[in-house]
Amino acid sequence: MLVTFTAHASPTINMLENLAQLLLGIVGKKVGERGAIGSDETGAAIAKLEAAIAEDKAAADKENEGKKSDERDDDNRLRLSQRAYPLLNMLREANAEGGAVMWEVSRN
């Protein structure tokens, strides 16, 4: 199923439900039929996502510590920073405008 994120300040984002659950869980929300990150919550949501991205990057750096470039984990795995970028960008734009981010689950 798809989750559609909308904000007045940003283009619409469609995301698979499992990724939306992960990202919303990081910011302390749950995927329901509908939901929102209010204008008063966007700053904290941005901080939580950025902290999780930094933690994921540190874990990746630790995994590759001491390895030669040809031994590093180059399996083209998407890191959290790449997966979270669209929602993080939407949150930043909504925060700058003082708006909210809303989502809705499509059950087609």
N, C-alpha and C. Protein backbone atom coordinates (compact mmCIF):
# COMPACT_ATOMS: atom_id res chain seq x y z
N MET A 1 0.83 -1.17 0.00
CA MET A 1 0.00 0.00 0.00
C MET A 1 0.88 1.24 0.00
N LEU A 2 0.33 2.30 -0.51
CA LEU A 2 1.05 3.56 -0.59
C LEU A 2 0.55 4.53 0.47
N VAL A 3 1.49 5.35 0.94
CA VAL A 3 1.16 6.44 1.84
C VAL A 3 1.49 7.72 1.09
N THR A 4 0.53 8.63 1.04
CA THR A 4 0.72 9.89 0.34
C THR A 4 0.91 11.00 1.37
N PHE A 5 2.04 11.69 1.27
CA PHE A 5 2.35 12.81 2.15
C PHE A 5 2.10 14.11 1.39
N THR A 6 1.46 15.05 2.06
CA THR A 6 1.20 16.35 1.46
C THR A 6 1.56 17.46 2.44
N ALA A 7 1.97 18.58 1.88
CA ALA A 7 2.22 19.81 2.64
C ALA A 7 2.05 20.95 1.66
N HIS A 8 1.51 22.04 2.13
CA HIS A 8 1.28 23.19 1.27
C HIS A 8 2.58 23.69 0.64
N ALA A 9 3.67 23.57 1.36
CA ALA A 9 4.96 24.13 0.93
C ALA A 9 5.76 23.22 0.02
N SER A 10 5.26 22.02 -0.28
CA SER A 10 6.09 21.02 -0.95
C SER A 10 5.26 20.17 -1.90
N PRO A 11 5.91 19.58 -2.91
CA PRO A 11 5.19 18.63 -3.78
C PRO A 11 4.77 17.39 -3.00
N THR A 12 3.78 16.70 -3.49
CA THR A 12 3.26 15.47 -2.88
C THR A 12 4.30 14.35 -3.00
N ILE A 13 4.37 13.52 -1.96
CA ILE A 13 5.28 12.37 -1.94
C ILE A 13 4.45 11.11 -1.76
N ASN A 14 4.71 10.10 -2.59
CA ASN A 14 4.11 8.78 -2.42
C ASN A 14 5.21 7.83 -1.95
N MET A 15 4.91 7.05 -0.93
CA MET A 15 5.91 6.19 -0.31
C MET A 15 5.27 4.84 0.04
N LEU A 16 6.03 3.78 -0.06
CA LEU A 16 5.54 2.48 0.37
C LEU A 16 5.27 2.50 1.87
N GLU A 17 4.26 1.76 2.28
CA GLU A 17 3.82 1.81 3.67
C GLU A 17 4.91 1.41 4.66
N ASN A 18 5.73 0.40 4.34
CA ASN A 18 6.75 -0.03 5.30
C ASN A 18 7.80 1.05 5.54
N LEU A 19 8.18 1.79 4.51
CA LEU A 19 9.12 2.89 4.68
C LEU A 19 8.47 4.03 5.46
N ALA A 20 7.22 4.32 5.15
CA ALA A 20 6.49 5.36 5.89
C ALA A 20 6.40 5.00 7.37
N GLN A 21 6.14 3.71 7.68
CA GLN A 21 6.08 3.28 9.08
C GLN A 21 7.41 3.51 9.78
N LEU A 22 8.50 3.18 9.11
CA LEU A 22 9.83 3.37 9.68
C LEU A 22 10.08 4.85 9.98
N LEU A 23 9.86 5.70 8.98
CA LEU A 23 10.17 7.12 9.14
C LEU A 23 9.25 7.79 10.14
N LEU A 24 7.97 7.47 10.09
CA LEU A 24 7.04 8.06 11.05
C LEU A 24 7.33 7.55 12.46
N GLY A 25 7.76 6.31 12.58
CA GLY A 25 8.14 5.78 13.88
C GLY A 25 9.31 6.54 14.48
N ILE A 26 10.25 6.92 13.66
CA ILE A 26 11.41 7.70 14.12
C ILE A 26 10.95 9.03 14.72
N VAL A 27 9.96 9.65 14.11
CA VAL A 27 9.49 10.96 14.60
C VAL A 27 8.38 10.83 15.63
N GLY A 28 8.06 9.59 16.01
CA GLY A 28 7.10 9.37 17.07
C GLY A 28 5.64 9.33 16.64
N LYS A 29 5.40 9.01 15.38
CA LYS A 29 4.04 8.91 14.85
C LYS A 29 3.78 7.49 14.36
N LYS A 30 2.53 7.16 14.17
CA LYS A 30 2.13 5.86 13.64
C LYS A 30 1.34 6.06 12.35
N VAL A 31 1.52 5.13 11.43
CA VAL A 31 0.74 5.18 10.20
C VAL A 31 -0.67 4.75 10.54
N GLY A 32 -1.61 5.62 10.31
CA GLY A 32 -3.01 5.30 10.45
C GLY A 32 -3.67 5.60 9.11
N GLU A 33 -4.96 5.53 9.06
CA GLU A 33 -5.67 5.87 7.83
C GLU A 33 -5.26 7.27 7.35
N ARG A 34 -5.17 8.18 8.33
CA ARG A 34 -4.73 9.56 8.08
C ARG A 34 -3.95 10.04 9.29
N GLY A 35 -3.11 11.02 9.08
CA GLY A 35 -2.36 11.59 10.20
C GLY A 35 -1.70 12.88 9.80
N ALA A 36 -1.07 13.51 10.79
CA ALA A 36 -0.40 14.78 10.52
C ALA A 36 0.73 15.01 11.50
N ILE A 37 1.71 15.73 11.05
CA ILE A 37 2.75 16.28 11.89
C ILE A 37 2.45 17.77 11.90
N GLY A 38 1.97 18.28 13.02
CA GLY A 38 1.53 19.66 13.11
C GLY A 38 2.66 20.65 12.96
N SER A 39 2.30 21.89 12.68
CA SER A 39 3.30 22.94 12.49
C SER A 39 4.17 23.11 13.73
N ASP A 40 3.62 22.83 14.90
CA ASP A 40 4.40 22.92 16.14
C ASP A 40 5.29 21.70 16.37
N GLU A 41 5.14 20.65 15.56
CA GLU A 41 5.91 19.42 15.71
C GLU A 41 6.99 19.24 14.64
N THR A 42 6.98 20.05 13.60
CA THR A 42 7.90 19.82 12.48
C THR A 42 9.36 20.00 12.90
N GLY A 43 9.65 20.97 13.74
CA GLY A 43 11.04 21.18 14.18
C GLY A 43 11.59 19.98 14.92
N ALA A 44 10.80 19.42 15.83
CA ALA A 44 11.23 18.23 16.57
C ALA A 44 11.35 17.03 15.64
N ALA A 45 10.44 16.90 14.69
CA ALA A 45 10.49 15.78 13.73
C ALA A 45 11.75 15.87 12.88
N ILE A 46 12.11 17.05 12.46
CA ILE A 46 13.35 17.25 11.68
C ILE A 46 14.55 16.82 12.52
N ALA A 47 14.60 17.26 13.76
CA ALA A 47 15.72 16.92 14.64
C ALA A 47 15.83 15.42 14.85
N LYS A 48 14.71 14.74 15.04
CA LYS A 48 14.72 13.29 15.25
C LYS A 48 15.19 12.55 14.01
N LEU A 49 14.72 12.97 12.83
CA LEU A 49 15.16 12.32 11.59
C LEU A 49 16.65 12.56 11.35
N GLU A 50 17.10 13.79 11.57
CA GLU A 50 18.52 14.09 11.37
C GLU A 50 19.40 13.29 12.33
N ALA A 51 18.95 13.12 13.57
CA ALA A 51 19.71 12.32 14.55
C ALA A 51 19.77 10.86 14.12
N ALA A 52 18.66 10.32 13.63
CA ALA A 52 18.63 8.93 13.16
C ALA A 52 19.54 8.75 11.95
N ILE A 53 19.56 9.73 11.07
CA ILE A 53 20.43 9.67 9.88
C ILE A 53 21.90 9.68 10.32
N ALA A 54 22.24 10.55 11.27
CA ALA A 54 23.62 10.62 11.76
C ALA A 54 24.03 9.30 12.42
N GLU A 55 23.11 8.69 13.17
CA GLU A 55 23.38 7.41 13.81
C GLU A 55 23.59 6.31 12.78
N ASP A 56 22.78 6.31 11.73
CA ASP A 56 22.92 5.32 10.66
C ASP A 56 24.24 5.51 9.92
N LYS A 57 24.63 6.75 9.69
CA LYS A 57 25.90 7.03 9.02
C LYS A 57 27.07 6.57 9.87
N ALA A 58 26.99 6.82 11.17
CA ALA A 58 28.06 6.38 12.08
C ALA A 58 28.17 4.86 12.08
N ALA A 59 27.04 4.17 12.06
CA ALA A 59 27.05 2.71 12.01
C ALA A 59 27.68 2.21 10.71
N ALA A 60 27.35 2.86 9.60
CA ALA A 60 27.93 2.47 8.31
C ALA A 60 29.44 2.72 8.30
N ASP A 61 29.85 3.85 8.86
CA ASP A 61 31.29 4.16 8.92
C ASP A 61 32.02 3.13 9.78
N LYS A 62 31.39 2.72 10.88
CA LYS A 62 32.01 1.73 11.77
C LYS A 62 32.14 0.38 11.07
N GLU A 63 31.10 0.01 10.30
CA GLU A 63 31.14 -1.26 9.55
C GLU A 63 32.31 -1.28 8.57
N ASN A 64 32.61 -0.13 7.99
CA ASN A 64 33.65 -0.05 6.96
C ASN A 64 35.00 0.37 7.52
N GLU A 65 35.09 0.59 8.82
CA GLU A 65 36.32 1.04 9.46
C GLU A 65 37.42 0.00 9.26
N GLY A 66 38.56 0.47 8.81
CA GLY A 66 39.71 -0.41 8.64
C GLY A 66 39.69 -1.25 7.39
N LYS A 67 38.66 -1.16 6.61
CA LYS A 67 38.59 -1.94 5.37
C LYS A 67 39.17 -1.15 4.21
N LYS A 68 39.76 -1.86 3.29
CA LYS A 68 40.24 -1.22 2.07
C LYS A 68 39.03 -0.89 1.21
N SER A 69 39.21 -0.01 0.28
CA SER A 69 38.08 0.44 -0.54
C SER A 69 37.40 -0.70 -1.28
N ASP A 70 38.16 -1.72 -1.69
CA ASP A 70 37.54 -2.84 -2.40
C ASP A 70 36.85 -3.83 -1.46
N GLU A 71 37.06 -3.70 -0.15
CA GLU A 71 36.42 -4.58 0.83
C GLU A 71 35.18 -3.94 1.46
N ARG A 72 34.98 -2.67 1.22
CA ARG A 72 33.87 -1.96 1.86
C ARG A 72 32.53 -2.46 1.35
N ASP A 73 31.52 -2.24 2.16
CA ASP A 73 30.15 -2.65 1.84
C ASP A 73 29.61 -1.75 0.72
N ASP A 74 29.77 -2.21 -0.50
CA ASP A 74 29.31 -1.45 -1.66
C ASP A 74 28.19 -2.19 -2.36
N ASP A 75 27.23 -2.68 -1.59
CA ASP A 75 26.14 -3.46 -2.17
C ASP A 75 25.00 -2.57 -2.67
N ASN A 76 25.28 -1.28 -2.79
CA ASN A 76 24.29 -0.31 -3.26
C ASN A 76 23.05 -0.26 -2.37
N ARG A 77 23.23 -0.63 -1.12
CA ARG A 77 22.14 -0.57 -0.15
C ARG A 77 21.82 0.90 0.11
N LEU A 78 20.54 1.20 0.09
CA LEU A 78 20.13 2.57 0.38
C LEU A 78 20.23 2.81 1.87
N ARG A 79 20.90 3.86 2.24
CA ARG A 79 21.03 4.23 3.64
C ARG A 79 19.81 5.06 4.04
N LEU A 80 19.65 5.25 5.33
CA LEU A 80 18.52 6.01 5.84
C LEU A 80 18.49 7.42 5.29
N SER A 81 19.65 8.03 5.10
CA SER A 81 19.67 9.41 4.58
C SER A 81 19.00 9.50 3.21
N GLN A 82 19.21 8.49 2.38
CA GLN A 82 18.60 8.50 1.04
C GLN A 82 17.10 8.21 1.12
N ARG A 83 16.72 7.31 2.00
CA ARG A 83 15.31 6.95 2.13
C ARG A 83 14.51 8.07 2.78
N ALA A 84 15.11 8.75 3.73
CA ALA A 84 14.39 9.78 4.49
C ALA A 84 14.39 11.14 3.80
N TYR A 85 15.25 11.35 2.82
CA TYR A 85 15.40 12.68 2.24
C TYR A 85 14.09 13.32 1.77
N PRO A 86 13.24 12.64 1.03
CA PRO A 86 12.01 13.31 0.56
C PRO A 86 11.14 13.82 1.72
N LEU A 87 10.95 13.00 2.75
CA LEU A 87 10.14 13.43 3.88
C LEU A 87 10.85 14.50 4.69
N LEU A 88 12.15 14.36 4.88
CA LEU A 88 12.92 15.36 5.61
C LEU A 88 12.85 16.71 4.90
N ASN A 89 12.98 16.70 3.60
CA ASN A 89 12.90 17.94 2.82
C ASN A 89 11.50 18.56 2.95
N MET A 90 10.46 17.72 2.88
CA MET A 90 9.10 18.22 3.03
C MET A 90 8.91 18.84 4.42
N LEU A 91 9.42 18.19 5.44
CA LEU A 91 9.33 18.73 6.79
C LEU A 91 10.04 20.07 6.91
N ARG A 92 11.21 20.18 6.31
CA ARG A 92 11.96 21.45 6.35
C ARG A 92 11.17 22.57 5.67
N GLU A 93 10.59 22.26 4.50
CA GLU A 93 9.83 23.28 3.78
C GLU A 93 8.56 23.66 4.55
N ALA A 94 7.89 22.68 5.13
CA ALA A 94 6.70 22.97 5.93
C ALA A 94 7.06 23.79 7.16
N ASN A 95 8.17 23.46 7.80
CA ASN A 95 8.62 24.19 8.98
C ASN A 95 8.93 25.65 8.64
N ALA A 96 9.59 25.86 7.51
CA ALA A 96 9.93 27.22 7.08
C ALA A 96 8.68 28.05 6.82
N GLU A 97 7.63 27.39 6.35
CA GLU A 97 6.37 28.09 6.05
C GLU A 97 5.44 28.14 7.27
N GLY A 98 5.76 27.37 8.29
CA GLY A 98 4.88 27.29 9.45
C GLY A 98 3.67 26.42 9.22
N GLY A 99 3.82 25.43 8.34
CA GLY A 99 2.71 24.55 7.99
C GLY A 99 2.90 23.15 8.54
N ALA A 100 1.92 22.31 8.25
CA ALA A 100 1.92 20.92 8.72
C ALA A 100 2.19 19.97 7.55
N VAL A 101 2.55 18.74 7.90
CA VAL A 101 2.68 17.65 6.93
C VAL A 101 1.59 16.64 7.25
N MET A 102 0.81 16.29 6.24
CA MET A 102 -0.28 15.33 6.43
C MET A 102 -0.03 14.10 5.58
N TRP A 103 -0.62 12.97 6.00
CA TRP A 103 -0.53 11.77 5.19
C TRP A 103 -1.84 11.02 5.19
N GLU A 104 -1.95 10.18 4.17
CA GLU A 104 -3.14 9.35 4.00
C GLU A 104 -2.71 8.04 3.36
N VAL A 105 -3.26 6.94 3.84
CA VAL A 105 -2.95 5.62 3.30
C VAL A 105 -3.91 5.28 2.18
N SER A 106 -3.36 4.85 1.05
CA SER A 106 -4.20 4.42 -0.09
C SER A 106 -4.33 2.91 0.00
N ARG A 107 -5.53 2.41 0.08
CA ARG A 107 -5.78 0.97 0.21
C ARG A 107 -6.30 0.39 -1.10
N ASN A 108 -5.64 0.66 -2.19
CA ASN A 108 -6.07 0.16 -3.50
C ASN A 108 -5.49 -1.19 -3.81
